[in-house]
Amino acid sequence: MARRFLVFSGHNDRAVVALCRFFDQAGLPFVIVATGKGDAIHQTRWRDHVIFNRLDALVTVPWLRDLADSQGGGLVYCPTTEFINHFLLTHREALAGCGLEIGLPDQAIYEALTGKQSSQALMTALCPDLHLPATQTDGHWHAPCVLKPRANIASGRVLYPMLCRTAADLDQALTGLDHGAYFAQDFVVGQSHYLCAYLSRDGEVASFWQLNLMQQAGGKSIVLARPTGNPGLDEARLFKGLQQQGYHGAFMLELIEAEGRLFYIEVNPRFWGPLQLALDVCPDILRLFARDQCFDSPALPATNPDKAAYAWAYGANQPGCVVHPAGRALTPAQLDQLLYAHDVYARDDTQALHACH
């Protein structure tokens, strides 16, 4: 059977939708593993691409082998979820030869980048002009701060940063917390930027910058963003350094611009939630991904950056959304108009999910 991309739905849904759109537009074969009959993917144009409905979140080597065998092999994994990425890298040798192709880089460089603590030394070595939020002394944490996991996955679950703006927030976060699994840094207030990119195996790069306008409470998902220019990072040095370290693949770097400086926040070495904006304004990010997996993809047209925006309307309707400095230049009515006009689901292929998922 011909090789096909394998997408796990139910994790990072908006990135999954962007990937499905790309595969559709580029004429590339793909299949989907859904998280049960209630998975939102069943309400999209790609429902017929679902080959399996999972009953739970459990992933095992025998199950993955059986899945690949049931499809005759030739499944090319799409990296959208930290949990499954970690599992595949940990069990890469055990999965060798099963017909599941894992295009991720070596585990050492992946973990060095994805780790909230380990990535700090790596990124500041590659980009000396980047600054780090001050790290607070263990046992003397104080608000406002961000509690960051030392490792992304512990005891079989993904750990996330916790934003503590007040002493009450910090007290609540500390309840039942394994202090040894986290470290604390000062909370940096400023403008959030994403560098969204793909670094191919042969060193070619496709990238663009994203200006974040609105974000869910607690530093969760970006719900409104626009393309923007480079705030001052030496991109060429960064990508050359990453290649020398052996990294290849999808890459999203978050920086906070504050007090005339760029502060390093984190790296996601996988596809990110607002991936639709990449498909709109820099589709070569996805073309390089396909090429690295030995698929020919046509060059897709890009949207005029001046008219492009990414939005997640339903996510923006959740309590406590934060408007970043760039978003404060817009009126509430203008923000609402952008959210609904550019909702990632406001298209024919996902219309049933528009403003309600």
Protein backbone atom coordinates (compact mmCIF):
# COMPACT_ATOMS: atom_id res chain seq x y z
CA MET A 1 0.00 0.00 0.00
CA ALA A 2 1.23 3.55 -0.72
CA ARG A 3 2.84 5.56 2.06
CA ARG A 4 0.48 7.90 3.91
CA PHE A 5 0.80 10.51 6.62
CA LEU A 6 -0.57 9.46 10.00
CA VAL A 7 -2.32 12.15 12.07
CA PHE A 8 -3.43 11.62 15.67
CA SER A 9 -6.56 13.69 16.24
CA GLY A 10 -7.89 14.74 19.63
CA HIS A 11 -4.58 16.38 20.57
CA ASN A 12 -3.71 19.87 19.38
CA ASP A 13 -6.91 19.93 17.27
CA ARG A 14 -6.22 23.19 15.46
CA ALA A 15 -2.83 21.97 14.24
CA VAL A 16 -4.51 18.75 13.09
CA VAL A 17 -7.02 20.75 11.04
CA ALA A 18 -4.23 22.78 9.41
CA LEU A 19 -2.35 19.60 8.51
CA CYS A 20 -5.46 18.03 6.99
CA ARG A 21 -6.04 21.17 4.92
CA PHE A 22 -2.45 21.12 3.72
CA PHE A 23 -2.62 17.45 2.71
CA ASP A 24 -5.90 18.14 0.89
CA GLN A 25 -4.55 21.15 -0.97
CA ALA A 26 -1.27 19.44 -1.84
CA GLY A 27 -2.95 16.18 -2.91
CA LEU A 28 -1.00 14.11 -0.35
CA PRO A 29 -2.39 10.88 1.17
CA PHE A 30 -3.17 10.79 4.88
CA VAL A 31 -5.09 8.83 7.50
CA ILE A 32 -6.33 9.79 10.95
CA VAL A 33 -6.51 8.04 14.30
CA ALA A 34 -9.32 9.68 16.28
CA THR A 35 -10.02 9.78 20.01
CA GLY A 36 -13.33 7.99 19.83
CA LYS A 37 -16.65 8.61 18.09
CA GLY A 38 -16.95 11.99 19.83
CA ASP A 39 -13.77 13.36 18.30
CA ALA A 40 -14.47 16.65 16.50
CA ILE A 41 -12.66 15.34 13.41
CA HIS A 42 -15.83 13.35 12.66
CA GLN A 43 -17.60 16.68 12.03
CA THR A 44 -15.13 17.72 9.33
CA ARG A 45 -14.59 17.00 5.67
CA TRP A 46 -11.92 14.46 6.62
CA ARG A 47 -14.16 12.07 8.57
CA ASP A 48 -13.63 9.40 5.91
CA HIS A 49 -9.88 9.48 6.54
CA VAL A 50 -10.36 8.08 10.07
CA ILE A 51 -9.01 4.52 10.21
CA PHE A 52 -9.32 3.93 13.95
CA ASN A 53 -11.17 5.32 16.96
CA ARG A 54 -9.18 5.04 20.17
CA LEU A 55 -11.00 4.14 23.37
CA ASP A 56 -8.45 5.85 25.65
CA ALA A 57 -5.21 7.82 25.57
CA LEU A 58 -3.04 4.74 26.09
CA VAL A 59 -0.27 4.22 23.53
CA THR A 60 1.75 1.01 23.54
CA VAL A 61 4.33 -0.57 21.28
CA PRO A 62 2.12 -3.60 20.46
CA TRP A 63 -0.83 -1.33 19.61
CA LEU A 64 1.27 0.83 17.28
CA ARG A 65 2.69 -2.28 15.62
CA ASP A 66 -0.81 -3.68 15.14
CA LEU A 67 -2.03 -0.36 13.75
CA ALA A 68 0.79 -0.20 11.20
CA ASP A 69 0.29 -3.86 10.29
CA SER A 70 -3.45 -3.36 9.77
CA GLN A 71 -2.66 -0.63 7.24
CA GLY A 72 0.06 -2.54 5.44
CA GLY A 73 2.77 -0.25 6.81
CA GLY A 74 3.91 2.96 5.19
CA LEU A 75 2.53 5.26 7.90
CA VAL A 76 4.47 8.52 8.29
CA TYR A 77 3.99 10.09 11.70
CA CYS A 78 3.01 13.77 12.02
CA PRO A 79 4.40 15.37 15.22
CA THR A 80 1.52 17.28 16.83
CA THR A 81 1.57 16.03 20.43
CA GLU A 82 4.34 16.08 23.03
CA PHE A 83 3.09 12.92 24.73
CA ILE A 84 3.18 10.72 21.62
CA ASN A 85 6.43 12.32 20.40
CA HIS A 86 8.06 11.39 23.70
CA PHE A 87 6.68 7.85 23.53
CA LEU A 88 7.89 7.27 19.97
CA LEU A 89 11.37 8.60 20.73
CA THR A 90 11.63 6.49 23.88
CA HIS A 91 10.56 3.33 22.04
CA ARG A 92 12.11 4.07 18.65
CA GLU A 93 14.23 0.90 18.57
CA ALA A 94 11.31 -1.31 19.61
CA LEU A 95 9.20 0.16 16.80
CA ALA A 96 11.85 -0.23 14.12
CA GLY A 97 10.66 -2.20 11.11
CA CYS A 98 6.95 -2.11 12.01
CA GLY A 99 5.95 0.12 9.12
CA LEU A 100 5.61 3.30 11.19
CA GLU A 101 8.07 5.96 10.05
CA ILE A 102 9.18 8.38 12.78
CA GLY A 103 10.71 11.46 11.21
CA LEU A 104 11.72 13.06 14.51
CA PRO A 105 15.34 14.02 15.25
CA ASP A 106 17.48 12.15 17.78
CA GLN A 107 15.98 11.99 21.25
CA ALA A 108 18.86 13.90 22.87
CA ILE A 109 18.45 17.09 20.84
CA TYR A 110 14.64 16.85 20.92
CA GLU A 111 14.59 16.63 24.72
CA ALA A 112 17.20 19.37 25.09
CA LEU A 113 14.94 21.70 23.09
CA THR A 114 11.55 20.74 24.46
CA GLY A 115 12.61 20.81 28.12
CA LYS A 116 11.71 24.10 29.78
CA GLN A 117 14.92 24.05 31.84
CA SER A 118 17.38 22.31 29.51
CA SER A 119 16.46 24.52 26.56
CA GLN A 120 17.51 27.70 28.35
CA ALA A 121 21.25 26.96 28.24
CA LEU A 122 21.01 25.68 24.66
CA MET A 123 19.06 28.64 23.32
CA THR A 124 21.15 31.31 25.03
CA ALA A 125 24.30 29.62 23.71
CA LEU A 126 22.90 29.70 20.18
CA CYS A 127 21.51 33.23 20.60
CA PRO A 128 23.67 35.19 23.09
CA ASP A 129 21.46 38.28 22.74
CA LEU A 130 18.49 36.46 24.29
CA HIS A 131 17.75 37.12 27.95
CA LEU A 132 16.28 34.75 30.51
CA PRO A 133 13.67 35.65 33.12
CA ALA A 134 15.34 35.65 36.55
CA THR A 135 15.17 32.23 38.23
CA GLN A 136 13.92 32.33 41.80
CA THR A 137 15.67 30.46 44.59
CA ASP A 138 14.13 27.08 45.38
CA GLY A 139 12.09 27.28 48.56
CA HIS A 140 11.69 31.05 48.21
CA TRP A 141 9.26 31.39 45.33
CA HIS A 142 7.15 34.53 45.19
CA ALA A 143 4.53 36.01 42.90
CA PRO A 144 4.39 37.15 40.19
CA CYS A 145 6.17 34.12 38.78
CA VAL A 146 5.89 31.21 36.36
CA LEU A 147 6.33 27.67 37.65
CA LYS A 148 7.94 25.63 34.90
CA PRO A 149 8.38 21.84 34.81
CA ARG A 150 11.99 20.66 34.76
CA ALA A 151 10.89 17.85 32.42
CA ASN A 152 7.79 17.97 30.22
CA ILE A 153 6.60 14.47 31.06
CA ALA A 154 6.59 12.83 34.48
CA SER A 155 4.74 9.76 35.74
CA GLY A 156 3.11 9.27 32.36
CA ARG A 157 1.56 12.72 32.02
CA VAL A 158 2.49 16.02 30.42
CA LEU A 159 3.34 18.85 32.81
CA TYR A 160 2.62 22.46 31.87
CA PRO A 161 3.87 25.84 33.13
CA MET A 162 1.68 27.58 35.69
CA LEU A 163 1.37 31.37 35.64
CA CYS A 164 1.05 32.83 39.13
CA ARG A 165 0.30 36.55 38.96
CA THR A 166 -0.69 36.86 42.61
CA ALA A 167 0.24 35.26 45.93
CA ALA A 168 -3.18 33.54 45.90
CA ASP A 169 -2.41 32.07 42.46
CA LEU A 170 0.90 30.77 43.76
CA ASP A 171 -0.66 29.25 46.90
CA GLN A 172 -3.22 27.46 44.76
CA ALA A 173 -0.56 26.18 42.33
CA LEU A 174 1.56 24.86 45.19
CA THR A 175 -1.28 22.75 46.59
CA GLY A 176 -0.26 19.14 46.06
CA LEU A 177 2.63 20.18 43.80
CA ASP A 178 5.81 18.11 43.58
CA HIS A 179 8.19 21.02 44.18
CA GLY A 180 11.16 19.05 42.90
CA ALA A 181 9.53 18.73 39.46
CA TYR A 182 9.34 22.51 38.94
CA PHE A 183 11.43 25.65 39.04
CA ALA A 184 10.23 29.26 39.28
CA GLN A 185 11.08 32.30 37.19
CA ASP A 186 10.00 35.92 37.42
CA PHE A 187 6.91 36.74 35.38
CA VAL A 188 7.93 38.89 32.39
CA VAL A 189 5.25 41.27 31.11
CA GLY A 190 5.56 42.29 27.46
CA GLN A 191 4.68 41.48 23.86
CA SER A 192 4.62 37.81 22.86
CA HIS A 193 6.20 36.78 19.55
CA TYR A 194 6.45 33.34 17.92
CA LEU A 195 9.11 32.35 15.42
CA CYS A 196 7.40 29.59 13.42
CA ALA A 197 9.68 27.49 11.24
CA TYR A 198 10.69 24.24 9.64
CA LEU A 199 14.36 23.27 9.46
CA SER A 200 14.87 20.53 6.89
CA ARG A 201 17.41 17.72 7.02
CA ASP A 202 19.50 19.45 4.34
CA GLY A 203 19.48 22.78 6.19
CA GLU A 204 16.82 24.63 4.19
CA VAL A 205 14.59 26.81 6.34
CA ALA A 206 11.09 28.22 5.91
CA SER A 207 9.91 30.60 8.63
CA PHE A 208 7.83 33.62 9.59
CA TRP A 209 7.10 35.64 12.73
CA GLN A 210 3.75 35.69 14.48
CA LEU A 211 2.56 38.59 16.64
CA ASN A 212 0.25 37.34 19.38
CA LEU A 213 -2.76 39.58 20.12
CA MET A 214 -4.85 37.47 22.50
CA GLN A 215 -4.19 34.40 24.63
CA GLN A 216 -6.16 32.18 26.95
CA ALA A 217 -5.74 32.56 30.69
CA GLY A 218 -2.77 30.89 32.33
CA GLY A 219 -0.55 31.20 29.28
CA LYS A 220 -2.54 28.58 27.40
CA SER A 221 -3.55 28.72 23.72
CA ILE A 222 -3.09 31.74 21.48
CA VAL A 223 -6.54 32.75 20.21
CA LEU A 224 -5.68 35.71 17.95
CA ALA A 225 -2.49 36.50 16.05
CA ARG A 226 -1.12 38.15 12.93
CA PRO A 227 2.09 37.76 10.91
CA THR A 228 4.76 40.30 11.75
CA GLY A 229 8.43 41.14 11.26
CA ASN A 230 11.47 39.89 13.15
CA PRO A 231 11.69 41.72 16.52
CA GLY A 232 15.50 41.50 16.46
CA LEU A 233 16.66 37.87 16.67
CA ASP A 234 19.65 36.62 14.63
CA GLU A 235 17.65 33.90 12.84
CA ALA A 236 20.52 32.74 10.60
CA ARG A 237 22.74 32.06 13.61
CA LEU A 238 19.92 30.22 15.38
CA PHE A 239 19.12 27.89 12.50
CA LYS A 240 22.76 27.22 11.71
CA GLY A 241 23.34 26.35 15.36
CA LEU A 242 20.32 24.05 15.50
CA GLN A 243 21.48 22.22 12.40
CA GLN A 244 24.94 21.79 13.89
CA GLN A 245 23.30 20.33 17.00
CA GLY A 246 21.54 17.77 14.79
CA TYR A 247 18.04 19.20 14.91
CA HIS A 248 15.62 19.01 12.01
CA GLY A 249 11.86 19.40 11.94
CA ALA A 250 9.06 21.75 12.97
CA PHE A 251 9.99 24.46 15.44
CA MET A 252 8.17 27.22 17.32
CA LEU A 253 10.12 29.62 19.52
CA GLU A 254 8.33 32.01 21.89
CA LEU A 255 9.94 35.29 22.93
CA ILE A 256 8.63 38.11 25.08
CA GLU A 257 9.69 41.61 24.07
CA ALA A 258 9.97 43.77 27.20
CA GLU A 259 12.03 46.78 28.24
CA GLY A 260 13.86 46.78 24.90
CA ARG A 261 15.04 43.18 25.35
CA LEU A 262 14.00 39.78 24.02
CA PHE A 263 13.34 37.18 26.71
CA TYR A 264 13.43 33.49 25.88
CA ILE A 265 10.28 31.65 27.01
CA GLU A 266 10.16 28.20 25.38
CA VAL A 267 10.54 26.07 22.27
CA ASN A 268 8.02 23.59 20.87
CA PRO A 269 9.89 21.21 18.51
CA ARG A 270 6.67 20.02 16.88
CA PHE A 271 3.68 21.53 15.10
CA TRP A 272 1.98 24.25 17.12
CA GLY A 273 -1.67 25.23 17.67
CA PRO A 274 -1.90 28.30 15.32
CA LEU A 275 -0.40 26.26 12.44
CA GLN A 276 -3.13 27.57 10.10
CA LEU A 277 -1.30 30.89 9.92
CA ALA A 278 1.77 29.05 8.59
CA LEU A 279 -0.36 27.40 5.91
CA ASP A 280 -1.78 30.81 5.00
CA VAL A 281 1.36 32.97 4.90
CA CYS A 282 4.31 30.53 4.79
CA PRO A 283 3.12 27.21 3.31
CA ASP A 284 6.73 26.25 2.59
CA ILE A 285 6.92 25.24 6.26
CA LEU A 286 4.62 22.34 5.46
CA ARG A 287 6.10 21.73 2.01
CA LEU A 288 9.53 21.18 3.60
CA PHE A 289 7.98 18.82 6.14
CA ALA A 290 6.47 16.76 3.32
CA ARG A 291 9.74 16.81 1.36
CA ASP A 292 11.69 15.58 4.39
CA GLN A 293 9.35 12.58 4.42
CA CYS A 294 10.06 12.02 0.67
CA PHE A 295 6.72 13.39 -0.60
CA ASP A 296 6.58 15.80 -3.51
CA SER A 297 4.37 18.77 -2.71
CA PRO A 298 3.45 21.59 -5.06
CA ALA A 299 4.23 25.15 -4.03
CA LEU A 300 1.03 26.51 -2.52
CA PRO A 301 0.01 30.19 -2.79
CA ALA A 302 0.41 32.37 0.29
CA THR A 303 -2.12 34.85 1.63
CA ASN A 304 -1.30 38.55 1.64
CA PRO A 305 0.30 39.00 5.10
CA ASP A 306 -1.44 42.37 5.50
CA LYS A 307 -4.82 40.62 5.39
CA ALA A 308 -3.92 37.39 7.19
CA ALA A 309 -4.80 36.51 10.77
CA TYR A 310 -5.21 33.41 12.92
CA ALA A 311 -8.12 33.12 15.34
CA TRP A 312 -9.81 30.57 17.55
CA ALA A 313 -13.20 32.09 18.38
CA TYR A 314 -14.42 29.45 20.83
CA GLY A 315 -11.13 29.54 22.73
CA ALA A 316 -11.39 33.30 23.00
CA ASN A 317 -14.81 32.99 24.63
CA GLN A 318 -13.37 31.15 27.64
CA PRO A 319 -12.98 33.22 30.85
CA GLY A 320 -9.89 35.27 31.53
CA CYS A 321 -8.42 35.79 28.05
CA VAL A 322 -5.45 38.15 28.05
CA VAL A 323 -5.04 40.90 25.44
CA HIS A 324 -1.36 41.40 24.63
CA PRO A 325 0.02 44.93 24.04
CA ALA A 326 -0.34 44.69 20.25
CA GLY A 327 -3.99 43.75 20.69
CA ARG A 328 -4.72 46.76 22.87
CA ALA A 329 -4.41 49.01 19.82
CA LEU A 330 -7.69 47.48 18.62
CA THR A 331 -11.15 48.12 20.00
CA PRO A 332 -13.18 45.24 21.48
CA ALA A 333 -15.39 45.36 18.38
CA GLN A 334 -12.37 45.06 16.10
CA LEU A 335 -11.03 42.12 18.12
CA ASP A 336 -14.41 40.37 17.90
CA GLN A 337 -14.56 40.95 14.16
CA LEU A 338 -11.11 39.38 13.68
CA LEU A 339 -11.95 36.45 15.95
CA TYR A 340 -15.05 35.44 14.01
CA ALA A 341 -13.90 36.31 10.51
CA HIS A 342 -10.62 34.40 10.89
CA ASP A 343 -11.77 31.57 13.16
CA VAL A 344 -9.72 28.50 12.22
CA TYR A 345 -12.98 26.57 11.88
CA ALA A 346 -14.85 29.19 9.79
CA ARG A 347 -14.33 27.33 6.52
CA ASP A 348 -16.41 24.90 4.50
CA ASP A 349 -14.38 21.88 5.64
CA THR A 350 -15.03 22.56 9.36
CA GLN A 351 -18.13 24.77 9.35
CA ALA A 352 -19.92 22.59 11.93
CA LEU A 353 -17.21 23.53 14.45
CA HIS A 354 -17.22 27.29 13.80
CA ALA A 355 -17.34 29.26 17.09
CA CYS A 356 -18.43 26.17 19.04
CA HIS A 357 -15.24 24.08 19.26
